[in-house]
């Protein structure tokens, strides 16, 4: 990674992972807010073939 010590590399990896998680959570929140609630008739059919019960 180009760091002077393994310890420095671990600190960088931890900070990068934490920042990546914050970004992913923020994007997920934006997607959730942007989705329209599904109407009952738009929901996935039940059963494996759509018109049969499991």
PDB file of N, CA and C in Angstrom:
ATOM      1  N   UNK A   1       0.809  -1.189   0.000  1.00  0.00           N
ATOM      2  CA  UNK A   1       0.000   0.000   0.000  1.00  0.00           C
ATOM      3  C   UNK A   1       0.858   1.262   0.000  1.00  0.00           C
ATOM      4  N   UNK A   2       2.138   1.105   0.190  1.00  0.00           N
ATOM      5  CA  UNK A   2       2.998   2.270   0.169  1.00  0.00           C
ATOM      6  C   UNK A   2       3.159   2.948   1.522  1.00  0.00           C
ATOM      7  N   UNK A   3       2.667   2.337   2.584  1.00  0.00           N
ATOM      8  CA  UNK A   3       2.809   2.940   3.911  1.00  0.00           C
ATOM      9  C   UNK A   3       4.140   2.517   4.521  1.00  0.00           C
ATOM     10  N   UNK A   4       4.610   3.334   5.436  1.00  0.00           N
ATOM     11  CA  UNK A   4       5.929   3.072   6.018  1.00  0.00           C
ATOM     12  C   UNK A   4       5.928   1.875   6.960  1.00  0.00           C
ATOM     13  N   UNK A   5       4.790   1.587   7.569  1.00  0.00           N
ATOM     14  CA  UNK A   5       4.713   0.442   8.482  1.00  0.00           C
ATOM     15  C   UNK A   5       3.403  -0.304   8.259  1.00  0.00           C
ATOM     16  N   UNK A   6       3.381  -1.543   8.722  1.00  0.00           N
ATOM     17  CA  UNK A   6       2.150  -2.326   8.641  1.00  0.00           C
ATOM     18  C   UNK A   6       1.064  -1.672   9.500  1.00  0.00           C
ATOM     19  N   UNK A   7       1.480  -1.086  10.617  1.00  0.00           N
ATOM     20  CA  UNK A   7       0.515  -0.420  11.500  1.00  0.00           C
ATOM     21  C   UNK A   7      -0.180   0.747  10.782  1.00  0.00           C
ATOM     22  N   UNK A   8       0.583   1.532  10.042  1.00  0.00           N
ATOM     23  CA  UNK A   8       0.016   2.649   9.286  1.00  0.00           C
ATOM     24  C   UNK A   8      -0.961   2.131   8.224  1.00  0.00           C
ATOM     25  N   UNK A   9      -0.620   1.020   7.590  1.00  0.00           N
ATOM     26  CA  UNK A   9      -1.507   0.428   6.583  1.00  0.00           C
ATOM     27  C   UNK A   9      -2.814  -0.026   7.219  1.00  0.00           C
ATOM     28  N   UNK A  10      -2.751  -0.631   8.397  1.00  0.00           N
ATOM     29  CA  UNK A  10      -3.964  -1.075   9.093  1.00  0.00           C
ATOM     30  C   UNK A  10      -4.860   0.099   9.475  1.00  0.00           C
ATOM     31  N   UNK A  11      -4.249   1.172   9.943  1.00  0.00           N
ATOM     32  CA  UNK A  11      -5.021   2.365  10.301  1.00  0.00           C
ATOM     33  C   UNK A  11      -5.726   2.906   9.069  1.00  0.00           C
ATOM     34  N   UNK A  12      -5.017   2.964   7.937  1.00  0.00           N
ATOM     35  CA  UNK A  12      -5.600   3.463   6.696  1.00  0.00           C
ATOM     36  C   UNK A  12      -6.754   2.554   6.254  1.00  0.00           C
ATOM     37  N   UNK A  13      -6.557   1.247   6.297  1.00  0.00           N
ATOM     38  CA  UNK A  13      -7.613   0.317   5.885  1.00  0.00           C
ATOM     39  C   UNK A  13      -8.846   0.468   6.759  1.00  0.00           C
ATOM     40  N   UNK A  14      -8.652   0.616   8.050  1.00  0.00           N
ATOM     41  CA  UNK A  14      -9.785   0.767   8.963  1.00  0.00           C
ATOM     42  C   UNK A  14     -10.550   2.057   8.659  1.00  0.00           C
ATOM     43  N   UNK A  15      -9.832   3.136   8.449  1.00  0.00           N
ATOM     44  CA  UNK A  15     -10.469   4.422   8.147  1.00  0.00           C
ATOM     45  C   UNK A  15     -11.197   4.344   6.809  1.00  0.00           C
ATOM     46  N   UNK A  16     -10.606   3.683   5.829  1.00  0.00           N
ATOM     47  CA  UNK A  16     -11.239   3.554   4.518  1.00  0.00           C
ATOM     48  C   UNK A  16     -12.505   2.724   4.603  1.00  0.00           C
ATOM     49  N   UNK A  17     -12.470   1.637   5.364  1.00  0.00           N
ATOM     50  CA  UNK A  17     -13.645   0.780   5.516  1.00  0.00           C
ATOM     51  C   UNK A  17     -14.777   1.530   6.220  1.00  0.00           C
ATOM     52  N   UNK A  18     -14.429   2.283   7.257  1.00  0.00           N
ATOM     53  CA  UNK A  18     -15.438   3.045   7.994  1.00  0.00           C
ATOM     54  C   UNK A  18     -16.065   4.112   7.097  1.00  0.00           C
ATOM     55  N   UNK A  19     -15.246   4.788   6.311  1.00  0.00           N
ATOM     56  CA  UNK A  19     -15.752   5.832   5.413  1.00  0.00           C
ATOM     57  C   UNK A  19     -16.616   5.212   4.312  1.00  0.00           C
ATOM     58  N   UNK A  20     -16.198   4.080   3.813  1.00  0.00           N
ATOM     59  CA  UNK A  20     -16.992   3.385   2.797  1.00  0.00           C
ATOM     60  C   UNK A  20     -18.355   2.981   3.327  1.00  0.00           C
ATOM     61  N   UNK A  21     -18.396   2.558   4.586  1.00  0.00           N
ATOM     62  CA  UNK A  21     -19.659   2.176   5.204  1.00  0.00           C
ATOM     63  C   UNK A  21     -20.575   3.380   5.350  1.00  0.00           C
ATOM     64  N   UNK A  22     -20.020   4.535   5.737  1.00  0.00           N
ATOM     65  CA  UNK A  22     -20.826   5.755   5.848  1.00  0.00           C
ATOM     66  C   UNK A  22     -21.415   6.145   4.496  1.00  0.00           C
ATOM     67  N   UNK A  23     -20.608   6.043   3.454  1.00  0.00           N
ATOM     68  CA  UNK A  23     -21.084   6.387   2.116  1.00  0.00           C
ATOM     69  C   UNK A  23     -22.181   5.425   1.678  1.00  0.00           C
ATOM     70  N   UNK A  24     -21.978   4.131   1.892  1.00  0.00           N
ATOM     71  CA  UNK A  24     -22.981   3.134   1.514  1.00  0.00           C
ATOM     72  C   UNK A  24     -24.287   3.351   2.266  1.00  0.00           C
ATOM     73  N   UNK A  25     -24.207   3.651   3.553  1.00  0.00           N
ATOM     74  CA  UNK A  25     -25.422   3.896   4.341  1.00  0.00           C
ATOM     75  C   UNK A  25     -26.160   5.139   3.846  1.00  0.00           C
ATOM     76  N   UNK A  26     -25.411   6.188   3.506  1.00  0.00           N
ATOM     77  CA  UNK A  26     -26.038   7.415   3.011  1.00  0.00           C
ATOM     78  C   UNK A  26     -26.724   7.169   1.668  1.00  0.00           C
ATOM     79  N   UNK A  27     -26.070   6.430   0.781  1.00  0.00           N
ATOM     80  CA  UNK A  27     -26.684   6.106  -0.510  1.00  0.00           C
ATOM     81  C   UNK A  27     -27.930   5.253  -0.326  1.00  0.00           C
ATOM     82  N   UNK A  28     -27.873   4.311   0.585  1.00  0.00           N
ATOM     83  CA  UNK A  28     -29.029   3.463   0.863  1.00  0.00           C
ATOM     84  C   UNK A  28     -30.208   4.284   1.366  1.00  0.00           C
ATOM     85  N   UNK A  29     -29.935   5.245   2.241  1.00  0.00           N
ATOM     86  CA  UNK A  29     -30.993   6.129   2.739  1.00  0.00           C
ATOM     87  C   UNK A  29     -31.612   6.949   1.609  1.00  0.00           C
ATOM     88  N   UNK A  30     -30.770   7.441   0.693  1.00  0.00           N
ATOM     89  CA  UNK A  30     -31.285   8.209  -0.442  1.00  0.00           C
ATOM     90  C   UNK A  30     -32.182   7.347  -1.336  1.00  0.00           C
ATOM     91  N   UNK A  31     -31.771   6.128  -1.563  1.00  0.00           N
ATOM     92  CA  UNK A  31     -32.573   5.218  -2.396  1.00  0.00           C
ATOM     93  C   UNK A  31     -33.903   4.927  -1.705  1.00  0.00           C
ATOM     94  N   UNK A  32     -33.857   4.652  -0.409  1.00  0.00           N
ATOM     95  CA  UNK A  32     -35.088   4.365   0.330  1.00  0.00           C
ATOM     96  C   UNK A  32     -36.054   5.550   0.285  1.00  0.00           C
ATOM     97  N   UNK A  33     -35.539   6.756   0.410  1.00  0.00           N
ATOM     98  CA  UNK A  33     -36.392   7.944   0.368  1.00  0.00           C
ATOM     99  C   UNK A  33     -36.964   8.165  -1.027  1.00  0.00           C
ATOM    100  N   UNK A  34     -36.219   7.779  -2.046  1.00  0.00           N
ATOM    101  CA  UNK A  34     -36.652   7.988  -3.409  1.00  0.00           C
ATOM    102  C   UNK A  34     -37.650   6.960  -3.916  1.00  0.00           C
ATOM    103  N   UNK A  35     -37.732   5.831  -3.258  1.00  0.00           N
ATOM    104  CA  UNK A  35     -38.664   4.792  -3.687  1.00  0.00           C
ATOM    105  C   UNK A  35     -40.079   5.166  -3.299  1.00  0.00           C
ATOM    106  N   UNK A  36     -40.992   4.870  -4.198  1.00  0.00           N
ATOM    107  CA  UNK A  36     -42.399   5.075  -3.893  1.00  0.00           C
ATOM    108  C   UNK A  36     -42.917   3.829  -3.190  1.00  0.00           C
ATOM    109  N   UNK A  37     -43.836   3.991  -2.243  1.00  0.00           N
ATOM    110  CA  UNK A  37     -44.401   2.809  -1.600  1.00  0.00           C
ATOM    111  C   UNK A  37     -45.140   1.972  -2.642  1.00  0.00           C
ATOM    112  N   UNK A  38     -45.018   0.683  -2.521  1.00  0.00           N
ATOM    113  CA  UNK A  38     -45.667  -0.205  -3.481  1.00  0.00           C
ATOM    114  C   UNK A  38     -47.130  -0.382  -3.128  1.00  0.00           C
ATOM    115  N   UNK A  39     -47.954  -0.327  -4.158  1.00  0.00           N
ATOM    116  CA  UNK A  39     -49.373  -0.574  -3.950  1.00  0.00           C
ATOM    117  C   UNK A  39     -49.587  -2.077  -3.843  1.00  0.00           C
ATOM    118  N   UNK A  40     -50.696  -2.462  -3.240  1.00  0.00           N
ATOM    119  CA  UNK A  40     -50.960  -3.877  -3.021  1.00  0.00           C
ATOM    120  C   UNK A  40     -50.941  -4.661  -4.331  1.00  0.00           C
ATOM    121  N   UNK A  41     -51.530  -4.125  -5.406  1.00  0.00           N
ATOM    122  CA  UNK A  41     -51.579  -4.861  -6.662  1.00  0.00           C
ATOM    123  C   UNK A  41     -50.210  -4.918  -7.347  1.00  0.00           C
ATOM    124  N   UNK A  42     -49.254  -4.068  -6.931  1.00  0.00           N
ATOM    125  CA  UNK A  42     -47.923  -4.081  -7.517  1.00  0.00           C
ATOM    126  C   UNK A  42     -46.966  -5.029  -6.800  1.00  0.00           C
ATOM    127  N   UNK A  43     -47.391  -5.596  -5.688  1.00  0.00           N
ATOM    128  CA  UNK A  43     -46.503  -6.450  -4.920  1.00  0.00           C
ATOM    129  C   UNK A  43     -46.284  -7.773  -5.638  1.00  0.00           C
ATOM    130  N   UNK A  44     -45.183  -8.408  -5.284  1.00  0.00           N
ATOM    131  CA  UNK A  44     -44.849  -9.696  -5.881  1.00  0.00           C
ATOM    132  C   UNK A  44     -45.947 -10.712  -5.565  1.00  0.00           C
ATOM    133  N   UNK A  45     -46.299 -11.540  -6.539  1.00  0.00           N
ATOM    134  CA  UNK A  45     -47.304 -12.565  -6.274  1.00  0.00           C
ATOM    135  C   UNK A  45     -46.774 -13.596  -5.294  1.00  0.00           C
ATOM    136  N   UNK A  46     -47.668 -14.204  -4.561  1.00  0.00           N
ATOM    137  CA  UNK A  46     -47.262 -15.238  -3.619  1.00  0.00           C
ATOM    138  C   UNK A  46     -47.127 -16.554  -4.346  1.00  0.00           C
ATOM    139  N   UNK A  47     -46.341 -17.446  -3.794  1.00  0.00           N
ATOM    140  CA  UNK A  47     -46.153 -18.753  -4.398  1.00  0.00           C
ATOM    141  C   UNK A  47     -45.039 -18.754  -5.421  1.00  0.00           C
ATOM    142  N   UNK A  48     -44.547 -19.928  -5.725  1.00  0.00           N
ATOM    143  CA  UNK A  48     -43.408 -20.020  -6.619  1.00  0.00           C
ATOM    144  C   UNK A  48     -43.775 -19.798  -8.081  1.00  0.00           C
ATOM    145  N   UNK A  49     -45.014 -19.993  -8.481  1.00  0.00           N
ATOM    146  CA  UNK A  49     -45.417 -19.798  -9.866  1.00  0.00           C
ATOM    147  C   UNK A  49     -46.280 -18.556 -10.030  1.00  0.00           C
ATOM    148  N   UNK A  50     -46.503 -17.832  -8.984  1.00  0.00           N
ATOM    149  CA  UNK A  50     -47.262 -16.606  -9.066  1.00  0.00           C
ATOM    150  C   UNK A  50     -48.747 -16.780  -8.748  1.00  0.00           C
ATOM    151  N   UNK A  51     -49.320 -17.884  -9.133  1.00  0.00           N
ATOM    152  CA  UNK A  51     -50.738 -18.071  -8.860  1.00  0.00           C
ATOM    153  C   UNK A  51     -51.012 -19.325  -8.027  1.00  0.00           C
ATOM    154  N   UNK A  52     -49.950 -19.935  -7.520  1.00  0.00           N
ATOM    155  CA  UNK A  52     -50.118 -21.092  -6.657  1.00  0.00           C
ATOM    156  C   UNK A  52     -49.524 -20.799  -5.289  1.00  0.00           C
ATOM    157  N   UNK A  53     -49.977 -21.535  -4.326  1.00  0.00           N
ATOM    158  CA  UNK A  53     -49.440 -21.362  -2.983  1.00  0.00           C
ATOM    159  C   UNK A  53     -48.207 -22.229  -2.820  1.00  0.00           C
ATOM    160  N   UNK A  54     -47.295 -21.803  -1.929  1.00  0.00           N
ATOM    161  CA  UNK A  54     -46.081 -22.590  -1.651  1.00  0.00           C
ATOM    162  C   UNK A  54     -46.418 -23.878  -0.957  1.00  0.00           C
TER     163      UNK A  54
END
